[in-house]
Amino acid sequence: FESDEDVPAAMRAALGREAEPYLEKRGPKWHVDLEGLNRQWLLRAGVLSENIEVSGLCTACRRDLFWSHRKLGEARGVQCAAIAAGSE
């Protein structure tokens, strides 16, 4: 997602150099790879890489599946995400 300097600064403060691959300056704005940053947080929390799944779907690009406040403003619906831990 597109951001001002505040988000990259916060990610660098929290993750240090691990945040850099997921932050890219494009013109006056920063583009933040939220998927990559979230993966780093999960790895740092001790979640094994093989237990992390990413859908690869973009909420802004896939308007047929998702609503994006950043893209649609107030013309939006409702969506939900869930995380489940199973025992095997």
PDB file of N, CA and C in Angstrom:
ATOM      1  N   PHE A   1       0.825  -1.176   0.000  1.00  0.00           N
ATOM      2  CA  PHE A   1       0.000   0.000   0.000  1.00  0.00           C
ATOM      3  C   PHE A   1       0.870   1.241   0.000  1.00  0.00           C
ATOM      4  N   GLU A   2       0.297   2.346  -0.392  1.00  0.00           N
ATOM      5  CA  GLU A   2       1.017   3.604  -0.474  1.00  0.00           C
ATOM      6  C   GLU A   2       0.934   4.330   0.863  1.00  0.00           C
ATOM      7  N   SER A   3       2.041   4.961   1.256  1.00  0.00           N
ATOM      8  CA  SER A   3       2.115   5.583   2.572  1.00  0.00           C
ATOM      9  C   SER A   3       3.036   6.792   2.561  1.00  0.00           C
ATOM     10  N   ASP A   4       2.888   7.592   3.596  1.00  0.00           N
ATOM     11  CA  ASP A   4       3.853   8.654   3.856  1.00  0.00           C
ATOM     12  C   ASP A   4       5.004   8.048   4.660  1.00  0.00           C
ATOM     13  N   GLU A   5       5.929   8.860   5.112  1.00  0.00           N
ATOM     14  CA  GLU A   5       7.139   8.399   5.809  1.00  0.00           C
ATOM     15  C   GLU A   5       6.850   7.746   7.167  1.00  0.00           C
ATOM     16  N   ASP A   6       5.688   8.020   7.771  1.00  0.00           N
ATOM     17  CA  ASP A   6       5.421   7.521   9.121  1.00  0.00           C
ATOM     18  C   ASP A   6       5.422   5.997   9.217  1.00  0.00           C
ATOM     19  N   VAL A   7       4.846   5.315   8.222  1.00  0.00           N
ATOM     20  CA  VAL A   7       4.790   3.849   8.272  1.00  0.00           C
ATOM     21  C   VAL A   7       6.179   3.235   8.096  1.00  0.00           C
ATOM     22  N   PRO A   8       6.949   3.618   7.076  1.00  0.00           N
ATOM     23  CA  PRO A   8       8.302   3.066   6.976  1.00  0.00           C
ATOM     24  C   PRO A   8       9.152   3.354   8.219  1.00  0.00           C
ATOM     25  N   ALA A   9       9.017   4.539   8.776  1.00  0.00           N
ATOM     26  CA  ALA A   9       9.786   4.867   9.982  1.00  0.00           C
ATOM     27  C   ALA A   9       9.402   3.947  11.135  1.00  0.00           C
ATOM     28  N   ALA A  10       8.123   3.684  11.297  1.00  0.00           N
ATOM     29  CA  ALA A  10       7.668   2.796  12.370  1.00  0.00           C
ATOM     30  C   ALA A  10       8.147   1.366  12.135  1.00  0.00           C
ATOM     31  N   MET A  11       8.123   0.910  10.890  1.00  0.00           N
ATOM     32  CA  MET A  11       8.569  -0.448  10.585  1.00  0.00           C
ATOM     33  C   MET A  11      10.070  -0.604  10.797  1.00  0.00           C
ATOM     34  N   ARG A  12      10.827   0.414  10.435  1.00  0.00           N
ATOM     35  CA  ARG A  12      12.275   0.368  10.681  1.00  0.00           C
ATOM     36  C   ARG A  12      12.568   0.367  12.182  1.00  0.00           C
ATOM     37  N   ALA A  13      11.825   1.160  12.936  1.00  0.00           N
ATOM     38  CA  ALA A  13      12.030   1.211  14.383  1.00  0.00           C
ATOM     39  C   ALA A  13      11.712  -0.139  15.024  1.00  0.00           C
ATOM     40  N   ALA A  14      10.710  -0.824  14.505  1.00  0.00           N
ATOM     41  CA  ALA A  14      10.291  -2.098  15.086  1.00  0.00           C
ATOM     42  C   ALA A  14      11.090  -3.290  14.578  1.00  0.00           C
ATOM     43  N   LEU A  15      11.385  -3.333  13.281  1.00  0.00           N
ATOM     44  CA  LEU A  15      12.024  -4.506  12.675  1.00  0.00           C
ATOM     45  C   LEU A  15      13.477  -4.287  12.276  1.00  0.00           C
ATOM     46  N   GLY A  16      13.948  -3.058  12.366  1.00  0.00           N
ATOM     47  CA  GLY A  16      15.323  -2.771  11.969  1.00  0.00           C
ATOM     48  C   GLY A  16      15.538  -3.023  10.493  1.00  0.00           C
ATOM     49  N   ARG A  17      16.699  -3.562  10.158  1.00  0.00           N
ATOM     50  CA  ARG A  17      17.066  -3.808   8.756  1.00  0.00           C
ATOM     51  C   ARG A  17      16.175  -4.841   8.075  1.00  0.00           C
ATOM     52  N   GLU A  18      15.489  -5.673   8.865  1.00  0.00           N
ATOM     53  CA  GLU A  18      14.590  -6.684   8.290  1.00  0.00           C
ATOM     54  C   GLU A  18      13.430  -6.043   7.531  1.00  0.00           C
ATOM     55  N   ALA A  19      13.130  -4.779   7.816  1.00  0.00           N
ATOM     56  CA  ALA A  19      12.014  -4.099   7.156  1.00  0.00           C
ATOM     57  C   ALA A  19      12.374  -3.592   5.766  1.00  0.00           C
ATOM     58  N   GLU A  20      13.637  -3.338   5.512  1.00  0.00           N
ATOM     59  CA  GLU A  20      14.067  -2.676   4.281  1.00  0.00           C
ATOM     60  C   GLU A  20      13.587  -3.314   2.972  1.00  0.00           C
ATOM     61  N   PRO A  21      13.624  -4.632   2.823  1.00  0.00           N
ATOM     62  CA  PRO A  21      13.180  -5.209   1.542  1.00  0.00           C
ATOM     63  C   PRO A  21      11.709  -4.939   1.222  1.00  0.00           C
ATOM     64  N   TYR A  22      10.947  -4.517   2.213  1.00  0.00           N
ATOM     65  CA  TYR A  22       9.506  -4.352   2.050  1.00  0.00           C
ATOM     66  C   TYR A  22       9.080  -2.890   1.973  1.00  0.00           C
ATOM     67  N   LEU A  23      10.058  -1.993   1.860  1.00  0.00           N
ATOM     68  CA  LEU A  23       9.802  -0.556   1.795  1.00  0.00           C
ATOM     69  C   LEU A  23      10.475   0.013   0.559  1.00  0.00           C
ATOM     70  N   GLU A  24       9.714   0.703  -0.278  1.00  0.00           N
ATOM     71  CA  GLU A  24      10.282   1.258  -1.502  1.00  0.00           C
ATOM     72  C   GLU A  24       9.746   2.676  -1.716  1.00  0.00           C
ATOM     73  N   LYS A  25      10.645   3.616  -1.883  1.00  0.00           N
ATOM     74  CA  LYS A  25      10.268   5.003  -2.153  1.00  0.00           C
ATOM     75  C   LYS A  25       9.985   5.156  -3.637  1.00  0.00           C
ATOM     76  N   ARG A  26       8.786   5.638  -3.966  1.00  0.00           N
ATOM     77  CA  ARG A  26       8.398   5.898  -5.358  1.00  0.00           C
ATOM     78  C   ARG A  26       7.860   7.322  -5.416  1.00  0.00           C
ATOM     79  N   GLY A  27       8.681   8.211  -5.911  1.00  0.00           N
ATOM     80  CA  GLY A  27       8.279   9.616  -5.938  1.00  0.00           C
ATOM     81  C   GLY A  27       8.144  10.138  -4.518  1.00  0.00           C
ATOM     82  N   PRO A  28       7.084  10.881  -4.232  1.00  0.00           N
ATOM     83  CA  PRO A  28       6.931  11.433  -2.888  1.00  0.00           C
ATOM     84  C   PRO A  28       6.390  10.429  -1.866  1.00  0.00           C
ATOM     85  N   LYS A  29       5.914   9.282  -2.326  1.00  0.00           N
ATOM     86  CA  LYS A  29       5.279   8.305  -1.441  1.00  0.00           C
ATOM     87  C   LYS A  29       6.133   7.053  -1.267  1.00  0.00           C
ATOM     88  N   TRP A  30       5.856   6.337  -0.205  1.00  0.00           N
ATOM     89  CA  TRP A  30       6.457   5.037   0.042  1.00  0.00           C
ATOM     90  C   TRP A  30       5.452   3.960  -0.336  1.00  0.00           C
ATOM     91  N   HIS A  31       5.948   2.850  -0.893  1.00  0.00           N
ATOM     92  CA  HIS A  31       5.115   1.685  -1.159  1.00  0.00           C
ATOM     93  C   HIS A  31       5.558   0.600  -0.193  1.00  0.00           C
ATOM     94  N   VAL A  32       4.607   0.112   0.566  1.00  0.00           N
ATOM     95  CA  VAL A  32       4.869  -0.811   1.666  1.00  0.00           C
ATOM     96  C   VAL A  32       4.315  -2.184   1.302  1.00  0.00           C
ATOM     97  N   ASP A  33       5.158  -3.203   1.380  1.00  0.00           N
ATOM     98  CA  ASP A  33       4.753  -4.589   1.137  1.00  0.00           C
ATOM     99  C   ASP A  33       4.261  -5.161   2.463  1.00  0.00           C
ATOM    100  N   LEU A  34       2.962  -5.012   2.699  1.00  0.00           N
ATOM    101  CA  LEU A  34       2.380  -5.444   3.967  1.00  0.00           C
ATOM    102  C   LEU A  34       2.474  -6.954   4.144  1.00  0.00           C
ATOM    103  N   GLU A  35       2.335  -7.691   3.064  1.00  0.00           N
ATOM    104  CA  GLU A  35       2.461  -9.148   3.120  1.00  0.00           C
ATOM    105  C   GLU A  35       3.845  -9.551   3.643  1.00  0.00           C
ATOM    106  N   GLY A  36       4.881  -8.932   3.086  1.00  0.00           N
ATOM    107  CA  GLY A  36       6.244  -9.242   3.513  1.00  0.00           C
ATOM    108  C   GLY A  36       6.517  -8.836   4.951  1.00  0.00           C
ATOM    109  N   LEU A  37       6.033  -7.665   5.340  1.00  0.00           N
ATOM    110  CA  LEU A  37       6.232  -7.210   6.720  1.00  0.00           C
ATOM    111  C   LEU A  37       5.495  -8.107   7.707  1.00  0.00           C
ATOM    112  N   ASN A  38       4.274  -8.501   7.373  1.00  0.00           N
ATOM    113  CA  ASN A  38       3.535  -9.403   8.260  1.00  0.00           C
ATOM    114  C   ASN A  38       4.236 -10.743   8.392  1.00  0.00           C
ATOM    115  N   ARG A  39       4.817 -11.219   7.299  1.00  0.00           N
ATOM    116  CA  ARG A  39       5.579 -12.474   7.351  1.00  0.00           C
ATOM    117  C   ARG A  39       6.755 -12.335   8.322  1.00  0.00           C
ATOM    118  N   GLN A  40       7.454 -11.194   8.239  1.00  0.00           N
ATOM    119  CA  GLN A  40       8.580 -10.958   9.151  1.00  0.00           C
ATOM    120  C   GLN A  40       8.126 -10.955  10.608  1.00  0.00           C
ATOM    121  N   TRP A  41       6.986 -10.325  10.878  1.00  0.00           N
ATOM    122  CA  TRP A  41       6.459 -10.321  12.246  1.00  0.00           C
ATOM    123  C   TRP A  41       6.157 -11.734  12.727  1.00  0.00           C
ATOM    124  N   LEU A  42       5.551 -12.555  11.867  1.00  0.00           N
ATOM    125  CA  LEU A  42       5.223 -13.930  12.245  1.00  0.00           C
ATOM    126  C   LEU A  42       6.487 -14.750  12.492  1.00  0.00           C
ATOM    127  N   LEU A  43       7.484 -14.613  11.618  1.00  0.00           N
ATOM    128  CA  LEU A  43       8.748 -15.326  11.811  1.00  0.00           C
ATOM    129  C   LEU A  43       9.414 -14.896  13.105  1.00  0.00           C
ATOM    130  N   ARG A  44       9.407 -13.618  13.374  1.00  0.00           N
ATOM    131  CA  ARG A  44      10.001 -13.086  14.599  1.00  0.00           C
ATOM    132  C   ARG A  44       9.275 -13.607  15.840  1.00  0.00           C
ATOM    133  N   ALA A  45       7.969 -13.859  15.695  1.00  0.00           N
ATOM    134  CA  ALA A  45       7.166 -14.370  16.810  1.00  0.00           C
ATOM    135  C   ALA A  45       7.345 -15.872  17.013  1.00  0.00           C
ATOM    136  N   GLY A  46       8.113 -16.507  16.115  1.00  0.00           N
ATOM    137  CA  GLY A  46       8.377 -17.930  16.278  1.00  0.00           C
ATOM    138  C   GLY A  46       7.543 -18.844  15.402  1.00  0.00           C
ATOM    139  N   VAL A  47       6.723 -18.281  14.536  1.00  0.00           N
ATOM    140  CA  VAL A  47       5.938 -19.110  13.615  1.00  0.00           C
ATOM    141  C   VAL A  47       6.893 -19.658  12.551  1.00  0.00           C
ATOM    142  N   LEU A  48       6.843 -20.952  12.333  1.00  0.00           N
ATOM    143  CA  LEU A  48       7.703 -21.574  11.335  1.00  0.00           C
ATOM    144  C   LEU A  48       7.264 -21.174   9.938  1.00  0.00           C
ATOM    145  N   SER A  49       8.212 -20.975   9.064  1.00  0.00           N
ATOM    146  CA  SER A  49       7.948 -20.553   7.692  1.00  0.00           C
ATOM    147  C   SER A  49       6.946 -21.465   6.998  1.00  0.00           C
ATOM    148  N   GLU A  50       7.058 -22.769   7.226  1.00  0.00           N
ATOM    149  CA  GLU A  50       6.146 -23.717   6.567  1.00  0.00           C
ATOM    150  C   GLU A  50       4.712 -23.609   7.080  1.00  0.00           C
ATOM    151  N   ASN A  51       4.512 -22.878   8.165  1.00  0.00           N
ATOM    152  CA  ASN A  51       3.168 -22.682   8.711  1.00  0.00           C
ATOM    153  C   ASN A  51       2.561 -21.335   8.322  1.00  0.00           C
ATOM    154  N   ILE A  52       3.222 -20.613   7.436  1.00  0.00           N
ATOM    155  CA  ILE A  52       2.712 -19.324   6.984  1.00  0.00           C
ATOM    156  C   ILE A  52       2.210 -19.480   5.554  1.00  0.00           C
ATOM    157  N   GLU A  53       0.942 -19.204   5.342  1.00  0.00           N
ATOM    158  CA  GLU A  53       0.353 -19.255   4.004  1.00  0.00           C
ATOM    159  C   GLU A  53      -0.106 -17.864   3.623  1.00  0.00           C
ATOM    160  N   VAL A  54       0.121 -17.498   2.374  1.00  0.00           N
ATOM    161  CA  VAL A  54      -0.274 -16.193   1.862  1.00  0.00           C
ATOM    162  C   VAL A  54      -1.141 -16.413   0.632  1.00  0.00           C
ATOM    163  N   SER A  55      -2.275 -15.748   0.596  1.00  0.00           N
ATOM    164  CA  SER A  55      -3.200 -15.953  -0.528  1.00  0.00           C
ATOM    165  C   SER A  55      -2.673 -15.348  -1.824  1.00  0.00           C
ATOM    166  N   GLY A  56      -1.923 -14.261  -1.740  1.00  0.00           N
ATOM    167  CA  GLY A  56      -1.441 -13.598  -2.939  1.00  0.00           C
ATOM    168  C   GLY A  56      -2.487 -12.725  -3.614  1.00  0.00           C
ATOM    169  N   LEU A  57      -3.663 -12.623  -3.029  1.00  0.00           N
ATOM    170  CA  LEU A  57      -4.725 -11.803  -3.597  1.00  0.00           C
ATOM    171  C   LEU A  57      -4.596 -10.367  -3.107  1.00  0.00           C
ATOM    172  N   CYS A  58      -4.829  -9.431  -3.993  1.00  0.00           N
ATOM    173  CA  CYS A  58      -4.733  -8.006  -3.676  1.00  0.00           C
ATOM    174  C   CYS A  58      -6.130  -7.440  -3.445  1.00  0.00           C
ATOM    175  N   THR A  59      -6.355  -6.849  -2.277  1.00  0.00           N
ATOM    176  CA  THR A  59      -7.677  -6.294  -1.983  1.00  0.00           C
ATOM    177  C   THR A  59      -8.000  -5.097  -2.862  1.00  0.00           C
ATOM    178  N   ALA A  60      -6.988  -4.359  -3.302  1.00  0.00           N
ATOM    179  CA  ALA A  60      -7.225  -3.206  -4.166  1.00  0.00           C
ATOM    180  C   ALA A  60      -7.453  -3.624  -5.616  1.00  0.00           C
ATOM    181  N   CYS A  61      -6.775  -4.694  -6.059  1.00  0.00           N
ATOM    182  CA  CYS A  61      -6.864  -5.142  -7.455  1.00  0.00           C
ATOM    183  C   CYS A  61      -8.084  -6.023  -7.711  1.00  0.00           C
ATOM    184  N   ARG A  62      -8.468  -6.806  -6.746  1.00  0.00           N
ATOM    185  CA  ARG A  62      -9.559  -7.778  -6.918  1.00  0.00           C
ATOM    186  C   ARG A  62     -10.865  -7.237  -6.361  1.00  0.00           C
ATOM    187  N   ARG A  63     -11.393  -6.235  -7.023  1.00  0.00           N
ATOM    188  CA  ARG A  63     -12.644  -5.608  -6.587  1.00  0.00           C
ATOM    189  C   ARG A  63     -13.825  -6.567  -6.660  1.00  0.00           C
ATOM    190  N   ASP A  64     -13.687  -7.645  -7.430  1.00  0.00           N
ATOM    191  CA  ASP A  64     -14.747  -8.641  -7.498  1.00  0.00           C
ATOM    192  C   ASP A  64     -14.817  -9.487  -6.231  1.00  0.00           C
ATOM    193  N   LEU A  65     -13.737  -9.508  -5.449  1.00  0.00           N
ATOM    194  CA  LEU A  65     -13.687 -10.304  -4.222  1.00  0.00           C
ATOM    195  C   LEU A  65     -13.642  -9.476  -2.941  1.00  0.00           C
ATOM    196  N   PHE A  66     -13.038  -8.282  -3.012  1.00  0.00           N
ATOM    197  CA  PHE A  66     -12.781  -7.502  -1.812  1.00  0.00           C
ATOM    198  C   PHE A  66     -13.242  -6.060  -1.967  1.00  0.00           C
ATOM    199  N   TRP A  67     -13.349  -5.396  -0.853  1.00  0.00           N
ATOM    200  CA  TRP A  67     -13.590  -3.965  -0.803  1.00  0.00           C
ATOM    201  C   TRP A  67     -12.311  -3.317  -0.317  1.00  0.00           C
ATOM    202  N   SER A  68     -11.917  -2.234  -0.927  1.00  0.00           N
ATOM    203  CA  SER A  68     -10.706  -1.526  -0.528  1.00  0.00           C
ATOM    204  C   SER A  68     -11.051  -0.080  -0.183  1.00  0.00           C
ATOM    205  N   HIS A  69     -10.926   0.270   1.091  1.00  0.00           N
ATOM    206  CA  HIS A  69     -11.194   1.648   1.509  1.00  0.00           C
ATOM    207  C   HIS A  69     -10.278   2.622   0.779  1.00  0.00           C
ATOM    208  N   ARG A  70      -9.026   2.243   0.592  1.00  0.00           N
ATOM    209  CA  ARG A  70      -8.081   3.118  -0.097  1.00  0.00           C
ATOM    210  C   ARG A  70      -8.488   3.367  -1.542  1.00  0.00           C
ATOM    211  N   LYS A  71      -9.103   2.387  -2.195  1.00  0.00           N
ATOM    212  CA  LYS A  71      -9.500   2.531  -3.587  1.00  0.00           C
ATOM    213  C   LYS A  71     -10.919   3.080  -3.758  1.00  0.00           C
ATOM    214  N   LEU A  72     -11.828   2.698  -2.855  1.00  0.00           N
ATOM    215  CA  LEU A  72     -13.231   3.040  -3.036  1.00  0.00           C
ATOM    216  C   LEU A  72     -13.756   4.087  -2.064  1.00  0.00           C
ATOM    217  N   GLY A  73     -12.977   4.466  -1.079  1.00  0.00           N
ATOM    218  CA  GLY A  73     -13.455   5.446  -0.112  1.00  0.00           C
ATOM    219  C   GLY A  73     -14.635   4.913   0.676  1.00  0.00           C
ATOM    220  N   GLU A  74     -15.675   5.702   0.784  1.00  0.00           N
ATOM    221  CA  GLU A  74     -16.843   5.303   1.569  1.00  0.00           C
ATOM    222  C   GLU A  74     -17.732   4.288   0.854  1.00  0.00           C
ATOM    223  N   ALA A  75     -17.556   4.085  -0.454  1.00  0.00           N
ATOM    224  CA  ALA A  75     -18.353   3.113  -1.210  1.00  0.00           C
ATOM    225  C   ALA A  75     -17.758   1.732  -1.023  1.00  0.00           C
ATOM    226  N   ARG A  76     -18.061   1.122   0.097  1.00  0.00           N
ATOM    227  CA  ARG A  76     -17.448  -0.174   0.380  1.00  0.00           C
ATOM    228  C   ARG A  76     -18.419  -1.077   1.128  1.00  0.00           C
ATOM    229  N   GLY A  77     -18.031  -2.313   1.265  1.00  0.00           N
ATOM    230  CA  GLY A  77     -18.816  -3.304   1.987  1.00  0.00           C
ATOM    231  C   GLY A  77     -18.058  -3.740   3.232  1.00  0.00           C
ATOM    232  N   VAL A  78     -18.211  -4.982   3.577  1.00  0.00           N
ATOM    233  CA  VAL A  78     -17.624  -5.514   4.789  1.00  0.00           C
ATOM    234  C   VAL A  78     -16.809  -6.751   4.417  1.00  0.00           C
ATOM    235  N   GLN A  79     -15.638  -6.896   5.023  1.00  0.00           N
ATOM    236  CA  GLN A  79     -14.863  -8.106   4.841  1.00  0.00           C
ATOM    237  C   GLN A  79     -14.266  -8.504   6.179  1.00  0.00           C
ATOM    238  N   CYS A  80     -13.843  -9.723   6.272  1.00  0.00           N
ATOM    239  CA  CYS A  80     -13.348 -10.269   7.528  1.00  0.00           C
ATOM    240  C   CYS A  80     -12.153 -11.172   7.236  1.00  0.00           C
ATOM    241  N   ALA A  81     -11.250 -11.232   8.169  1.00  0.00           N
ATOM    242  CA  ALA A  81     -10.115 -12.161   8.078  1.00  0.00           C
ATOM    243  C   ALA A  81     -10.081 -12.989   9.362  1.00  0.00           C
ATOM    244  N   ALA A  82      -9.585 -14.196   9.265  1.00  0.00           N
ATOM    245  CA  ALA A  82      -9.518 -15.061  10.436  1.00  0.00           C
ATOM    246  C   ALA A  82      -8.188 -15.797  10.461  1.00  0.00           C
ATOM    247  N   ILE A  83      -7.714 -16.022  11.658  1.00  0.00           N
ATOM    248  CA  ILE A  83      -6.512 -16.815  11.871  1.00  0.00           C
ATOM    249  C   ILE A  83      -6.893 -17.943  12.818  1.00  0.00           C
ATOM    250  N   ALA A  84      -6.542 -19.147  12.442  1.00  0.00           N
ATOM    251  CA  ALA A  84      -6.899 -20.294  13.272  1.00  0.00           C
ATOM    252  C   ALA A  84      -5.657 -21.109  13.561  1.00  0.00           C
ATOM    253  N   ALA A  85      -5.565 -21.572  14.783  1.00  0.00           N
ATOM    254  CA  ALA A  85      -4.486 -22.482  15.167  1.00  0.00           C
ATOM    255  C   ALA A  85      -5.105 -23.846  15.415  1.00  0.00           C
ATOM    256  N   GLY A  86      -4.616 -24.835  14.713  1.00  0.00           N
ATOM    257  CA  GLY A  86      -5.155 -26.177  14.870  1.00  0.00           C
ATOM    258  C   GLY A  86      -4.192 -27.056  15.648  1.00  0.00           C
ATOM    259  N   SER A  87      -4.709 -28.123  16.168  1.00  0.00           N
ATOM    260  CA  SER A  87      -3.840 -29.086  16.835  1.00  0.00           C
ATOM    261  C   SER A  87      -3.908 -30.389  16.072  1.00  0.00           C
ATOM    262  N   GLU A  88      -2.744 -30.935  15.810  1.00  0.00           N
ATOM    263  CA  GLU A  88      -2.678 -32.192  15.066  1.00  0.00           C
ATOM    264  C   GLU A  88      -1.925 -33.207  15.866  1.00  0.00           C
TER     265      GLU A  88
END
